[in-house]
Amino acid sequence: MNSDDKFAFLVIATPLIGLIYCGIGITLMISNETIREHPLISGTIFILIPFLLAASTWIRASAKAYNNTNRSQDSEIKN
């Protein structure tokens, strides 16, 4: 998969996945009485899932870029 395909997937799929996630959350809030009785806990879980996913993706990408930068600098020093 080249970078254009990855970008197109990111631009198209991310909002759709977000809409599906919100729809699932709203459906659960309407249909499940336990979630309605404990809004603070369920809201925290509902917010933390995408936040943790985004944070882990960001950290993984940053670590990959950092490693690539260090490797290129190390090869320049050796040459």
Protein backbone atom coordinates (compact mmCIF):
# COMPACT_ATOMS: atom_id res chain seq x y z
CA MET A 1 0.00 0.00 0.00
CA ASN A 2 1.59 3.27 -1.08
CA SER A 3 1.34 6.57 0.79
CA ASP A 4 -1.51 7.92 -1.37
CA ASP A 5 -3.63 4.87 -0.59
CA LYS A 6 -2.85 5.17 3.11
CA PHE A 7 -3.81 8.85 3.09
CA ALA A 8 -7.06 8.14 1.23
CA PHE A 9 -7.89 5.41 3.73
CA LEU A 10 -7.15 7.80 6.60
CA VAL A 11 -9.30 10.59 5.15
CA ILE A 12 -12.26 8.35 4.24
CA ALA A 13 -12.22 5.66 6.91
CA THR A 14 -11.49 7.72 10.02
CA PRO A 15 -14.73 9.76 9.96
CA LEU A 16 -16.78 6.67 9.10
CA ILE A 17 -15.25 4.70 11.96
CA GLY A 18 -15.94 7.67 14.26
CA LEU A 19 -19.58 7.79 13.19
CA ILE A 20 -19.97 4.06 13.75
CA TYR A 21 -18.35 4.36 17.18
CA CYS A 22 -20.66 7.21 18.15
CA GLY A 23 -23.66 5.28 16.87
CA ILE A 24 -22.68 2.26 18.95
CA GLY A 25 -22.22 4.49 22.01
CA ILE A 26 -25.59 6.19 21.58
CA THR A 27 -27.30 2.84 20.98
CA LEU A 28 -25.75 1.42 24.13
CA MET A 29 -26.81 4.48 26.12
CA ILE A 30 -30.39 4.14 24.91
CA SER A 31 -30.73 0.38 25.30
CA ASN A 32 -28.59 -0.49 28.35
CA GLU A 33 -29.91 0.57 31.74
CA THR A 34 -26.58 -0.04 33.52
CA ILE A 35 -24.86 2.55 31.32
CA ARG A 36 -27.62 5.06 32.07
CA GLU A 37 -27.32 4.44 35.81
CA HIS A 38 -23.53 5.00 35.81
CA PRO A 39 -22.94 7.87 33.37
CA LEU A 40 -19.60 8.97 34.79
CA ILE A 41 -17.99 5.54 34.48
CA SER A 42 -19.50 4.74 31.08
CA GLY A 43 -18.65 8.21 29.74
CA THR A 44 -15.07 7.87 30.93
CA ILE A 45 -14.72 4.50 29.23
CA PHE A 46 -16.39 5.86 26.08
CA ILE A 47 -13.88 8.74 25.94
CA LEU A 48 -10.79 6.73 26.92
CA ILE A 49 -11.10 4.10 24.18
CA PRO A 50 -10.46 6.47 21.21
CA PHE A 51 -8.00 8.56 23.25
CA LEU A 52 -5.85 5.55 24.12
CA LEU A 53 -6.02 4.28 20.55
CA ALA A 54 -4.90 7.67 19.19
CA ALA A 55 -2.17 8.07 21.81
CA SER A 56 -0.73 4.62 21.14
CA THR A 57 -0.79 5.25 17.39
CA TRP A 58 0.93 8.62 17.87
CA ILE A 59 3.62 7.21 20.16
CA ARG A 60 4.28 4.25 17.86
CA ALA A 61 4.65 6.55 14.83
CA SER A 62 6.90 8.94 16.76
CA ALA A 63 9.12 6.10 17.93
CA LYS A 64 9.37 4.76 14.40
CA ALA A 65 10.34 8.19 13.05
CA TYR A 66 12.84 8.69 15.87
CA ASN A 67 14.47 5.33 15.16
CA ASN A 68 14.68 6.07 11.44
CA THR A 69 16.27 9.47 12.15
CA ASN A 70 18.85 7.95 14.49
CA ARG A 71 19.74 5.22 12.01
CA SER A 72 20.27 7.71 9.21
CA GLN A 73 22.43 9.92 11.46
CA ASP A 74 24.47 6.90 12.59
CA SER A 75 25.12 5.85 8.99
CA GLU A 76 26.23 9.40 8.12
CA ILE A 77 28.65 9.45 11.04
CA LYS A 78 30.16 6.09 10.05
CA ASN A 79 30.67 7.23 6.45
